[in-house]
Amino acid sequence: MKLQTKLILATASIITAVSVAIGGVAVGAIQNSEINRIDSLLSTAVETIQTDGEDPLTAALFAAGQSDIGLTVALVDINGELVTLAESLAQLETVPDSSALAESQSKAVSVSYSGANSETGEYRLRTIALPDNEFLLLATSLTAINEARTANLQLLLWFVLNSIWIGAGLIALFIRRDMKKVSNLIHLATEIADGAKNIKLPDAAGSNAEIDELTRALSHMVDALQHSLWVERDTQQAMQNFLGDASHELRTPLTVVKGYVELLSTQNMDEEQRARAFDRVNSEVVRMEALINDLLLLAELGESKPIGAGAIDLSGLVLAAVQDLKVLQPERSVRTSVEVGVSMHGTAELIQQLISNLFANLRRHTPADTRVTVSLSKTDHQATLTIDDAGPGLPAESYARGINHFQRFDASRSRESGGSGLGMSIMAAVVRQHGGTIELNPSPLGGLQTVINLPL
């Protein structure tokens, strides 16, 4: 059942229940008020007759003539015959049963009757006991009161029906806009589930209504899903590129090793040639070992295992790396601003690997005479390491995309220039393992700025 139908049915049920309850009480109250008035007048007539003890029949006829309501006066004689003395709308054609005669002596009771023409009716009866087992009956018709009750009930029925129609119409009118939004959201959600792309949900316009809040939540969810799809697509593309790179990086040294092993198996080499062959095989094995170690390290970091925390002198590691950079590339201009005494808790091997990769990227991807600025500072909660260079930097889209697994910023296939992309991935994984952040920004020097924040 649709929500709109449920709301209309609920509204109709509430209107019906409330209207019937209030209307029924009102109709019953009006009827009881009229009956109480009749009972009061009957009691007054009975008291007047009982006061005149000499001639109750004459007093009864006099009271009937003076009463504000039509009274029928009848006598049940000693033989049990009914004699009508004064007649009104109440038709007393038969003697009431003994229980009604007994009860009506102390209070008024209602008695139903059937007329000669098969007409039915009801009257209110009071009885006065006379000597010789005779009874004087005073009755007044309840036809007008019953007809008024029927008319009031009919009016209540029409009121309830009209209220239901009006209430249902107003509910449908008030929720039409929201139900249209819900239908639109269902349609868009179905399209998204069917694989449609670039779905844009309607603007909620800042309203606090539940439907608009749902629209904003779904819009946020769709944006997050689309972003996840983009990230997954970029990651898959980067992984495919990496697999090609890794395959190339492993295939080349394996081919070299295989060739030299076959060459060494022959007896046509002198000692000098054999030594050069062993050196080449060893260098290729070291090359493969480094690549495989990088892959294993990246896999271990991705498992989110607890790290062995220990005190790390971050200032000492950075200063040592700067000194190595100056020794390896003496023509490079290096400016440093390293705060002394910055220490943190973490895995020393991983932090060492992080700093080593940072400065290795400087040596590999920037000219040897390029300016570099290295700064390290701390606040109450974190240390910030910033490295700026005046090198070629990165493509513009790389700054917004950030660092992904298997990402290569340089399209070159050469490990010496472009690399396999594992260096950046390892750096990001180490920082994330220690609860920090890493950012790649355009440098004021014209190249790349790397900002690493690590919690102290």
Protein backbone atom coordinates (compact mmCIF):
# COMPACT_ATOMS: atom_id res chain seq x y z
CA MET A 1 0.00 0.00 0.00
CA LYS A 2 1.34 3.44 -0.93
CA LEU A 3 2.23 5.98 1.71
CA GLN A 4 -0.31 8.48 0.39
CA THR A 5 -3.10 5.89 0.65
CA LYS A 6 -2.04 5.03 4.20
CA LEU A 7 -2.08 8.70 5.21
CA ILE A 8 -5.54 9.26 3.70
CA LEU A 9 -6.94 6.13 5.38
CA ALA A 10 -5.39 7.15 8.70
CA THR A 11 -6.86 10.64 8.37
CA ALA A 12 -10.30 9.25 7.52
CA SER A 13 -10.16 6.86 10.47
CA ILE A 14 -9.18 9.60 12.92
CA ILE A 15 -11.83 12.02 11.62
CA THR A 16 -14.48 9.28 11.81
CA ALA A 17 -13.55 8.21 15.32
CA VAL A 18 -13.34 11.75 16.68
CA SER A 19 -16.52 12.94 14.95
CA VAL A 20 -18.54 9.89 16.00
CA ALA A 21 -17.31 10.16 19.57
CA ILE A 22 -18.03 13.88 19.90
CA GLY A 23 -21.27 13.75 17.89
CA GLY A 24 -22.54 10.66 19.69
CA VAL A 25 -21.92 12.22 23.08
CA ALA A 26 -23.65 15.43 21.97
CA VAL A 27 -26.70 13.61 20.57
CA GLY A 28 -26.95 11.47 23.69
CA ALA A 29 -26.62 14.52 25.93
CA ILE A 30 -29.44 16.34 24.09
CA GLN A 31 -31.74 13.32 24.33
CA ASN A 32 -30.99 12.77 28.02
CA SER A 33 -31.61 16.45 28.70
CA GLU A 34 -35.06 16.27 27.08
CA ILE A 35 -35.95 13.06 28.90
CA ASN A 36 -34.84 14.56 32.21
CA ARG A 37 -37.09 17.55 31.54
CA ILE A 38 -40.03 15.25 30.83
CA ASP A 39 -39.31 13.22 33.96
CA SER A 40 -39.23 16.40 36.01
CA LEU A 41 -42.63 17.50 34.66
CA LEU A 42 -44.09 14.04 35.28
CA SER A 43 -42.78 14.10 38.87
CA THR A 44 -44.37 17.53 39.38
CA ALA A 45 -47.70 16.24 38.09
CA VAL A 46 -47.50 13.18 40.36
CA GLU A 47 -46.76 15.34 43.40
CA THR A 48 -49.72 17.60 42.58
CA ILE A 49 -52.08 14.63 42.30
CA GLN A 50 -50.81 13.00 45.48
CA THR A 51 -51.26 16.28 47.37
CA ASP A 52 -54.99 16.30 46.51
CA GLY A 53 -55.95 13.09 48.24
CA GLU A 54 -59.81 13.52 47.91
CA ASP A 55 -60.22 13.24 44.10
CA PRO A 56 -56.99 12.05 42.33
CA LEU A 57 -58.73 11.62 38.99
CA THR A 58 -59.88 15.23 38.88
CA ALA A 59 -56.44 16.35 40.03
CA ALA A 60 -54.85 14.24 37.28
CA LEU A 61 -57.03 15.78 34.60
CA PHE A 62 -56.27 19.24 35.96
CA ALA A 63 -52.53 18.52 35.99
CA ALA A 64 -52.72 17.25 32.39
CA GLY A 65 -54.39 20.44 31.31
CA GLN A 66 -51.81 22.61 33.05
CA SER A 67 -48.72 20.66 31.94
CA ASP A 68 -46.30 22.03 29.29
CA ILE A 69 -46.21 18.60 27.66
CA GLY A 70 -49.08 16.54 26.33
CA LEU A 71 -50.14 14.07 29.03
CA THR A 72 -52.30 11.02 28.53
CA VAL A 73 -54.26 10.13 31.68
CA ALA A 74 -55.57 6.57 32.01
CA LEU A 75 -57.03 4.38 34.74
CA VAL A 76 -56.45 0.69 35.28
CA ASP A 77 -59.62 -0.36 37.19
CA ILE A 78 -60.12 -3.15 39.64
CA ASN A 79 -60.83 -5.56 36.80
CA GLY A 80 -57.55 -4.72 35.04
CA GLU A 81 -59.30 -2.83 32.25
CA LEU A 82 -57.66 0.28 30.76
CA VAL A 83 -59.80 3.40 30.63
CA THR A 84 -58.38 6.51 28.94
CA LEU A 85 -59.47 9.72 30.69
CA ALA A 86 -57.42 12.25 28.70
CA GLU A 87 -55.50 11.49 25.51
CA SER A 88 -52.43 13.01 23.88
CA LEU A 89 -49.82 11.69 21.44
CA ALA A 90 -49.02 8.83 23.81
CA GLN A 91 -51.40 5.97 22.91
CA LEU A 92 -52.15 3.65 25.80
CA GLU A 93 -54.07 0.80 24.12
CA THR A 94 -52.86 -1.95 26.40
CA VAL A 95 -52.07 -2.16 30.08
CA PRO A 96 -48.30 -2.06 30.73
CA ASP A 97 -46.87 -5.19 32.29
CA SER A 98 -46.67 -5.54 36.06
CA SER A 99 -42.94 -4.76 36.24
CA ALA A 100 -43.40 -1.45 34.39
CA LEU A 101 -46.35 -0.59 36.68
CA ALA A 102 -44.30 -1.33 39.79
CA GLU A 103 -41.14 0.49 38.67
CA SER A 104 -42.97 3.55 37.33
CA GLN A 105 -44.42 4.28 40.78
CA SER A 106 -41.04 5.54 41.98
CA LYS A 107 -39.56 6.90 38.75
CA ALA A 108 -40.40 7.43 35.11
CA VAL A 109 -39.82 4.51 32.74
CA SER A 110 -39.92 4.16 28.96
CA VAL A 111 -42.51 1.82 27.46
CA SER A 112 -42.73 0.76 23.83
CA TYR A 113 -46.07 0.11 22.17
CA SER A 114 -47.63 -0.91 18.87
CA GLY A 115 -50.67 0.96 17.62
CA ALA A 116 -53.75 -0.32 15.85
CA ASN A 117 -52.31 0.63 12.48
CA SER A 118 -49.08 -1.29 13.17
CA GLU A 119 -47.49 1.93 14.22
CA THR A 120 -44.83 1.70 16.88
CA GLY A 121 -43.86 4.27 19.40
CA GLU A 122 -42.53 4.91 22.86
CA TYR A 123 -43.80 6.88 25.81
CA ARG A 124 -42.62 7.90 29.24
CA LEU A 125 -44.78 6.56 32.09
CA ARG A 126 -45.43 7.41 35.74
CA THR A 127 -47.92 5.42 37.84
CA ILE A 128 -49.90 6.28 41.02
CA ALA A 129 -51.29 3.37 43.03
CA LEU A 130 -54.94 3.84 44.08
CA PRO A 131 -57.09 1.90 46.54
CA ASP A 132 -58.68 -1.39 45.47
CA ASN A 133 -55.61 -2.30 43.35
CA GLU A 134 -56.30 0.41 40.81
CA PHE A 135 -53.62 2.47 39.06
CA LEU A 136 -53.63 5.98 37.65
CA LEU A 137 -51.31 6.27 34.63
CA LEU A 138 -49.63 9.48 33.39
CA ALA A 139 -47.81 9.13 30.04
CA THR A 140 -46.24 11.43 27.49
CA SER A 141 -44.99 10.53 24.01
CA LEU A 142 -41.25 10.29 23.20
CA THR A 143 -41.87 10.42 19.45
CA ALA A 144 -40.59 13.99 19.04
CA ILE A 145 -37.45 13.25 21.05
CA ASN A 146 -36.77 10.07 19.07
CA GLU A 147 -37.35 11.87 15.78
CA ALA A 148 -34.96 14.62 16.88
CA ARG A 149 -32.37 12.00 17.80
CA THR A 150 -32.73 10.35 14.38
CA ALA A 151 -32.35 13.70 12.64
CA ASN A 152 -29.28 14.51 14.71
CA LEU A 153 -27.72 11.14 13.88
CA GLN A 154 -28.36 11.70 10.19
CA LEU A 155 -26.79 15.14 10.46
CA LEU A 156 -23.81 13.58 12.25
CA LEU A 157 -23.47 11.00 9.47
CA TRP A 158 -23.43 13.66 6.78
CA PHE A 159 -20.97 15.70 8.81
CA VAL A 160 -18.62 12.72 9.17
CA LEU A 161 -18.78 11.88 5.47
CA ASN A 162 -18.16 15.47 4.41
CA SER A 163 -15.33 15.77 6.96
CA ILE A 164 -13.72 12.62 5.57
CA TRP A 165 -13.85 13.92 2.01
CA ILE A 166 -12.56 17.35 3.01
CA GLY A 167 -9.83 15.90 5.28
CA ALA A 168 -8.68 13.40 2.65
CA GLY A 169 -8.59 16.14 0.02
CA LEU A 170 -6.59 18.47 2.24
CA ILE A 171 -4.13 15.71 3.16
CA ALA A 172 -3.67 14.83 -0.51
CA LEU A 173 -3.15 18.52 -1.31
CA PHE A 174 -0.68 19.13 1.50
CA ILE A 175 1.47 16.03 0.85
CA ARG A 176 1.27 16.17 -2.95
CA ARG A 177 4.56 18.10 -3.23
CA ASP A 178 6.38 15.79 -0.83
CA MET A 179 4.96 12.66 -2.44
CA LYS A 180 6.08 13.96 -5.82
CA LYS A 181 9.57 14.36 -4.38
CA VAL A 182 9.45 10.81 -2.99
CA SER A 183 8.35 9.43 -6.37
CA ASN A 184 11.15 11.37 -8.05
CA LEU A 185 13.69 10.00 -5.54
CA ILE A 186 12.42 6.45 -6.16
CA HIS A 187 12.79 6.96 -9.91
CA LEU A 188 16.32 8.36 -9.55
CA ALA A 189 17.32 5.60 -7.12
CA THR A 190 16.07 3.00 -9.61
CA GLU A 191 18.12 4.62 -12.36
CA ILE A 192 21.21 4.59 -10.13
CA ALA A 193 20.62 0.93 -9.27
CA ASP A 194 20.33 0.18 -13.01
CA GLY A 195 23.77 1.66 -13.55
CA ALA A 196 22.93 5.14 -14.81
CA LYS A 197 25.75 7.65 -14.45
CA ASN A 198 25.86 11.37 -13.73
CA ILE A 199 22.57 11.30 -11.81
CA LYS A 200 21.89 14.62 -10.10
CA LEU A 201 19.33 14.73 -7.29
CA PRO A 202 17.12 17.83 -6.92
CA ASP A 203 18.23 20.63 -4.63
CA ALA A 204 16.63 20.52 -1.15
CA ALA A 205 16.73 24.35 -0.95
CA GLY A 206 17.84 24.37 2.68
CA SER A 207 14.47 23.28 4.09
CA ASN A 208 14.25 21.26 7.32
CA ALA A 209 11.42 19.03 6.12
CA GLU A 210 12.07 15.31 6.44
CA ILE A 211 11.75 14.77 2.67
CA ASP A 212 14.30 17.52 1.97
CA GLU A 213 16.64 16.08 4.61
CA LEU A 214 16.28 12.68 2.93
CA THR A 215 17.03 14.32 -0.43
CA ARG A 216 20.20 15.89 0.95
CA ALA A 217 21.28 12.60 2.53
CA LEU A 218 20.69 10.68 -0.70
CA SER A 219 22.49 13.38 -2.70
CA HIS A 220 25.46 13.10 -0.36
CA MET A 221 25.36 9.31 -0.70
CA VAL A 222 25.24 9.52 -4.51
CA ASP A 223 28.18 11.94 -4.53
CA ALA A 224 30.12 9.59 -2.26
CA LEU A 225 29.29 6.59 -4.47
CA GLN A 226 30.28 8.43 -7.62
CA HIS A 227 33.51 9.54 -5.98
CA SER A 228 34.16 5.95 -4.91
CA LEU A 229 33.56 4.80 -8.48
CA TRP A 230 35.99 7.40 -9.79
CA VAL A 231 38.59 6.40 -7.20
CA GLU A 232 38.08 2.72 -7.98
CA ARG A 233 38.38 3.40 -11.69
CA ASP A 234 41.56 5.43 -11.19
CA THR A 235 42.95 2.75 -8.88
CA GLN A 236 42.20 -0.01 -11.36
CA GLN A 237 43.82 1.97 -14.14
CA ALA A 238 46.84 2.72 -11.94
CA MET A 239 47.04 -0.94 -10.92
CA GLN A 240 46.95 -2.05 -14.55
CA ASN A 241 49.74 0.39 -15.33
CA PHE A 242 51.69 -0.86 -12.33
CA LEU A 243 51.26 -4.50 -13.31
CA GLY A 244 52.65 -3.66 -16.71
CA ASP A 245 55.52 -1.76 -15.11
CA ALA A 246 56.24 -4.49 -12.56
CA SER A 247 56.10 -7.15 -15.26
CA HIS A 248 58.54 -5.14 -17.35
CA GLU A 249 60.80 -4.46 -14.36
CA LEU A 250 60.91 -8.16 -13.45
CA ARG A 251 61.04 -9.55 -16.98
CA THR A 252 64.07 -7.50 -18.01
CA PRO A 253 66.42 -8.60 -15.20
CA LEU A 254 65.14 -12.17 -15.46
CA THR A 255 66.01 -12.18 -19.16
CA VAL A 256 69.44 -10.81 -18.38
CA VAL A 257 70.01 -13.35 -15.61
CA LYS A 258 68.82 -16.19 -17.84
CA GLY A 259 71.16 -15.11 -20.64
CA TYR A 260 74.21 -14.81 -18.40
CA VAL A 261 73.44 -18.15 -16.69
CA GLU A 262 73.36 -19.82 -20.09
CA LEU A 263 76.58 -18.02 -21.00
CA LEU A 264 78.26 -19.07 -17.74
CA SER A 265 77.32 -22.67 -18.38
CA THR A 266 79.64 -22.71 -21.42
CA GLN A 267 83.41 -23.04 -21.25
CA ASN A 268 84.22 -20.23 -23.73
CA MET A 269 84.73 -17.46 -21.11
CA ASP A 270 87.91 -16.34 -19.46
CA GLU A 271 88.09 -15.33 -15.81
CA GLU A 272 87.57 -11.60 -16.48
CA GLN A 273 84.48 -12.21 -18.60
CA ARG A 274 83.13 -14.64 -16.01
CA ALA A 275 83.64 -12.06 -13.22
CA ARG A 276 81.80 -9.38 -15.23
CA ALA A 277 78.97 -11.83 -15.86
CA PHE A 278 78.65 -12.65 -12.17
CA ASP A 279 78.62 -8.91 -11.33
CA ARG A 280 75.84 -8.28 -13.86
CA VAL A 281 73.77 -11.20 -12.58
CA ASN A 282 74.24 -9.98 -9.02
CA SER A 283 73.15 -6.40 -9.90
CA GLU A 284 70.01 -7.69 -11.62
CA VAL A 285 69.20 -9.93 -8.65
CA VAL A 286 69.61 -6.94 -6.31
CA ARG A 287 67.32 -4.92 -8.58
CA MET A 288 64.61 -7.61 -8.44
CA GLU A 289 65.07 -8.00 -4.71
CA ALA A 290 64.50 -4.27 -4.14
CA LEU A 291 61.30 -4.33 -6.19
CA ILE A 292 59.98 -7.42 -4.42
CA ASN A 293 60.84 -5.95 -1.01
CA ASP A 294 58.89 -2.81 -1.92
CA LEU A 295 55.88 -4.96 -2.85
CA LEU A 296 56.08 -6.95 0.37
CA LEU A 297 56.42 -3.81 2.47
CA LEU A 298 53.39 -2.25 0.79
CA ALA A 299 51.37 -5.43 1.39
CA GLU A 300 52.36 -5.50 5.07
CA LEU A 301 51.40 -1.86 5.53
CA GLY A 302 48.01 -2.56 3.94
CA GLU A 303 47.23 -5.24 6.54
CA SER A 304 46.96 -2.55 9.29
CA LYS A 305 48.91 -4.63 11.76
CA PRO A 306 49.83 -3.02 15.11
CA ILE A 307 53.16 -1.23 14.81
CA GLY A 308 55.92 -1.58 17.35
CA ALA A 309 56.02 1.87 18.91
CA GLY A 310 59.25 3.36 20.12
CA ALA A 311 60.86 6.75 20.53
CA ILE A 312 62.13 8.20 17.22
CA ASP A 313 64.41 11.24 16.89
CA LEU A 314 62.70 12.78 13.88
CA SER A 315 65.01 15.80 13.85
CA GLY A 316 68.09 13.56 13.72
CA LEU A 317 66.71 11.49 10.84
CA VAL A 318 65.87 14.56 8.76
CA LEU A 319 69.23 16.22 9.40
CA ALA A 320 71.05 13.00 8.47
CA ALA A 321 69.07 12.75 5.21
CA VAL A 322 69.88 16.40 4.38
CA GLN A 323 73.56 15.76 5.02
CA ASP A 324 73.50 12.69 2.72
CA LEU A 325 71.80 14.76 0.01
CA LYS A 326 74.55 17.41 0.22
CA VAL A 327 77.26 14.77 -0.01
CA LEU A 328 75.69 12.93 -2.95
CA GLN A 329 74.77 16.12 -4.85
CA PRO A 330 77.17 18.85 -3.66
CA GLU A 331 76.09 21.25 -6.44
CA ARG A 332 72.50 21.36 -5.10
CA SER A 333 71.41 24.38 -3.02
CA VAL A 334 69.76 23.10 0.17
CA ARG A 335 68.21 25.39 2.78
CA THR A 336 67.12 23.86 6.07
CA SER A 337 64.98 24.96 8.98
CA VAL A 338 64.87 21.93 11.24
CA GLU A 339 63.69 22.33 14.83
CA VAL A 340 65.91 20.36 17.19
CA GLY A 341 64.44 17.84 19.61
CA VAL A 342 61.37 16.81 17.61
CA SER A 343 60.61 13.21 18.56
CA MET A 344 57.64 10.89 18.07
CA HIS A 345 56.50 7.35 18.78
CA GLY A 346 56.38 4.88 15.94
CA THR A 347 58.28 2.24 14.00
CA ALA A 348 61.79 3.53 13.37
CA GLU A 349 62.31 1.37 10.26
CA LEU A 350 59.17 2.68 8.61
CA ILE A 351 59.90 6.34 9.39
CA GLN A 352 63.44 5.81 8.08
CA GLN A 353 61.96 4.32 4.90
CA LEU A 354 59.62 7.33 4.58
CA ILE A 355 62.43 9.89 4.81
CA SER A 356 64.68 7.81 2.57
CA ASN A 357 61.99 7.71 -0.15
CA LEU A 358 61.43 11.47 0.15
CA PHE A 359 65.05 12.36 -0.49
CA ALA A 360 65.51 9.59 -3.07
CA ASN A 361 62.68 11.18 -5.08
CA LEU A 362 64.49 14.51 -4.90
CA ARG A 363 67.67 12.98 -6.27
CA ARG A 364 65.89 10.95 -8.95
CA HIS A 365 63.25 13.38 -10.24
CA THR A 366 64.88 16.80 -9.99
CA PRO A 367 68.06 18.12 -11.62
CA ALA A 368 71.19 17.89 -9.46
CA ASP A 369 71.51 21.68 -9.15
CA THR A 370 67.84 22.34 -8.24
CA ARG A 371 67.09 24.32 -5.08
CA VAL A 372 65.54 22.47 -2.15
CA THR A 373 64.06 23.75 1.11
CA VAL A 374 63.56 21.40 4.07
CA SER A 375 61.71 22.46 7.23
CA LEU A 376 60.61 20.56 10.34
CA SER A 377 58.51 22.08 13.12
CA LYS A 378 56.21 20.89 15.86
CA THR A 379 53.12 21.99 17.74
CA ASP A 380 51.59 20.52 20.87
CA HIS A 381 50.16 17.55 18.99
CA GLN A 382 52.00 17.00 15.70
CA ALA A 383 55.21 17.43 13.75
CA THR A 384 55.16 18.96 10.25
CA LEU A 385 57.83 18.10 7.66
CA THR A 386 57.78 20.26 4.52
CA ILE A 387 60.02 19.76 1.50
CA ASP A 388 59.96 22.22 -1.44
CA ASP A 389 61.91 21.87 -4.66
CA ALA A 390 62.31 23.89 -7.84
CA GLY A 391 62.03 20.87 -10.10
CA PRO A 392 59.46 20.08 -12.81
CA GLY A 393 56.71 19.27 -10.28
CA LEU A 394 53.69 17.10 -11.07
CA PRO A 395 50.82 17.28 -13.58
CA ALA A 396 48.09 19.65 -12.39
CA GLU A 397 45.49 16.91 -11.89
CA SER A 398 47.83 14.94 -9.62
CA TYR A 399 47.59 17.52 -6.82
CA ALA A 400 43.81 17.15 -6.51
CA ARG A 401 43.90 13.37 -6.97
CA GLY A 402 46.47 12.74 -4.26
CA ILE A 403 48.42 9.53 -3.78
CA ASN A 404 46.86 6.20 -4.74
CA HIS A 405 48.30 2.71 -4.68
CA PHE A 406 50.36 1.81 -7.80
CA GLN A 407 50.31 5.44 -8.93
CA ARG A 408 52.89 6.66 -11.41
CA PHE A 409 53.22 10.41 -11.79
CA ASP A 410 55.76 10.04 -14.60
CA ALA A 411 54.62 8.09 -17.65
CA SER A 412 58.15 6.89 -18.32
CA ARG A 413 58.72 3.14 -18.20
CA SER A 414 62.28 3.49 -16.95
CA ARG A 415 62.82 2.68 -13.29
CA GLU A 416 65.66 5.21 -13.20
CA SER A 417 63.38 8.09 -14.22
CA GLY A 418 59.77 7.21 -13.63
CA GLY A 419 59.87 4.31 -11.20
CA SER A 420 57.12 1.82 -10.58
CA GLY A 421 55.08 4.10 -8.37
CA LEU A 422 55.74 2.08 -5.21
CA GLY A 423 57.80 4.84 -3.56
CA MET A 424 54.87 7.23 -3.24
CA SER A 425 52.51 4.41 -2.26
CA ILE A 426 54.87 3.27 0.50
CA MET A 427 55.24 6.84 1.78
CA ALA A 428 51.45 7.29 1.96
CA ALA A 429 50.99 3.89 3.66
CA VAL A 430 53.67 4.64 6.30
CA VAL A 431 52.13 8.03 7.10
CA ARG A 432 48.65 6.53 7.30
CA GLN A 433 49.94 3.69 9.52
CA HIS A 434 51.20 6.30 11.99
CA GLY A 435 47.94 8.28 11.96
CA GLY A 436 49.31 11.18 9.90
CA THR A 437 48.55 12.89 6.59
CA ILE A 438 50.53 13.61 3.45
CA GLU A 439 49.78 16.34 0.91
CA LEU A 440 51.23 17.14 -2.52
CA ASN A 441 51.00 20.81 -3.47
CA PRO A 442 52.59 23.17 -6.00
CA SER A 443 55.74 24.60 -4.41
CA PRO A 444 56.48 28.34 -4.13
CA LEU A 445 59.85 27.41 -5.71
CA GLY A 446 58.04 26.23 -8.83
CA GLY A 447 58.21 22.46 -8.33
CA LEU A 448 56.64 20.06 -5.83
CA GLN A 449 55.82 20.70 -2.19
CA THR A 450 55.42 17.63 0.06
CA VAL A 451 53.82 18.26 3.46
CA ILE A 452 53.76 15.44 6.03
CA ASN A 453 51.98 15.76 9.37
CA LEU A 454 52.75 13.12 11.99
CA PRO A 455 51.17 12.98 15.48
CA LEU A 456 53.65 13.31 18.33
